[in-house]
């Protein structure tokens, strides 16, 4: 259980909903970390832009291993 409660769809600010809709199309659901970040829509959109900017710069396997290791280091259960 995250320390900060993820927002429900009706609680999400209007400017954050399109971003979450894109995630739902990509992954089949709105991912919990982004539902938490949606509390700050500007940060949500900027994190998406950063992700888009750096995508493709590292091979997929290395990227996934880095994500997994970062999650282990902060105790993220995913």
Protein backbone atom coordinates (compact mmCIF):
# COMPACT_ATOMS: atom_id res chain seq x y z
CA UNK A 1 0.00 0.00 0.00
CA UNK A 2 1.51 3.36 -1.02
CA UNK A 3 2.04 6.01 1.64
CA UNK A 4 0.05 8.47 -0.48
CA UNK A 5 -3.38 7.30 -1.59
CA UNK A 6 -3.82 7.15 -5.37
CA UNK A 7 -6.55 9.38 -6.74
CA UNK A 8 -9.77 7.86 -7.99
CA UNK A 9 -10.89 8.88 -11.49
CA UNK A 10 -13.45 11.39 -10.21
CA UNK A 11 -10.86 13.02 -7.93
CA UNK A 12 -8.25 13.43 -10.67
CA UNK A 13 -7.76 17.02 -11.91
CA UNK A 14 -9.14 17.55 -15.39
CA UNK A 15 -5.73 18.38 -16.86
CA UNK A 16 -4.31 15.03 -15.66
CA UNK A 17 -7.11 12.84 -17.06
CA UNK A 18 -5.85 12.75 -20.69
CA UNK A 19 -2.45 11.50 -19.51
CA UNK A 20 -4.07 8.74 -17.45
CA UNK A 21 -6.29 7.83 -20.40
CA UNK A 22 -3.18 7.36 -22.56
CA UNK A 23 -1.71 5.06 -19.91
CA UNK A 24 -4.94 3.08 -19.75
CA UNK A 25 -4.79 2.53 -23.51
CA UNK A 26 -1.14 1.46 -23.28
CA UNK A 27 -1.31 -0.80 -20.20
CA UNK A 28 -5.00 -1.62 -19.80
CA UNK A 29 -5.24 0.28 -16.53
CA UNK A 30 -4.17 3.51 -14.89
CA UNK A 31 -0.93 2.68 -13.12
CA UNK A 32 -0.81 3.48 -9.40
CA UNK A 33 2.37 5.63 -9.43
CA UNK A 34 0.80 7.93 -12.02
CA UNK A 35 -2.47 8.08 -10.10
CA UNK A 36 -0.43 9.37 -7.17
CA UNK A 37 1.60 11.83 -9.26
CA UNK A 38 -1.70 13.09 -10.70
CA UNK A 39 -2.05 15.10 -7.49
CA UNK A 40 0.47 17.42 -9.18
CA UNK A 41 -0.57 17.55 -12.86
CA UNK A 42 2.38 19.67 -13.94
CA UNK A 43 4.83 17.11 -12.58
CA UNK A 44 2.78 14.33 -14.19
CA UNK A 45 3.01 15.89 -17.64
CA UNK A 46 6.67 16.82 -17.28
CA UNK A 47 7.57 13.28 -16.21
CA UNK A 48 5.80 12.02 -19.32
CA UNK A 49 7.76 14.43 -21.49
CA UNK A 50 11.01 13.36 -19.85
CA UNK A 51 10.17 9.71 -20.44
CA UNK A 52 9.38 10.43 -24.08
CA UNK A 53 12.62 12.39 -24.49
CA UNK A 54 14.86 9.61 -23.17
CA UNK A 55 12.99 6.64 -24.66
CA UNK A 56 15.05 4.78 -27.20
CA UNK A 57 18.38 5.97 -25.81
CA UNK A 58 19.01 2.69 -23.93
CA UNK A 59 18.21 -0.83 -25.07
CA UNK A 60 14.99 -2.27 -23.63
CA UNK A 61 16.64 -4.94 -21.47
CA UNK A 62 18.96 -2.44 -19.76
CA UNK A 63 16.05 -0.04 -19.24
CA UNK A 64 13.91 -2.72 -17.59
CA UNK A 65 16.78 -3.89 -15.38
CA UNK A 66 17.39 -0.31 -14.26
CA UNK A 67 13.70 0.14 -13.45
CA UNK A 68 13.62 -3.10 -11.49
CA UNK A 69 16.75 -2.20 -9.51
CA UNK A 70 15.45 1.28 -8.72
CA UNK A 71 12.17 -0.25 -7.51
CA UNK A 72 14.09 -2.69 -5.29
CA UNK A 73 16.16 0.11 -3.80
CA UNK A 74 13.11 2.13 -2.78
CA UNK A 75 11.02 -0.87 -1.73
CA UNK A 76 8.42 -0.61 -4.47
CA UNK A 77 6.38 -3.82 -4.70
CA UNK A 78 5.71 -4.15 -8.43
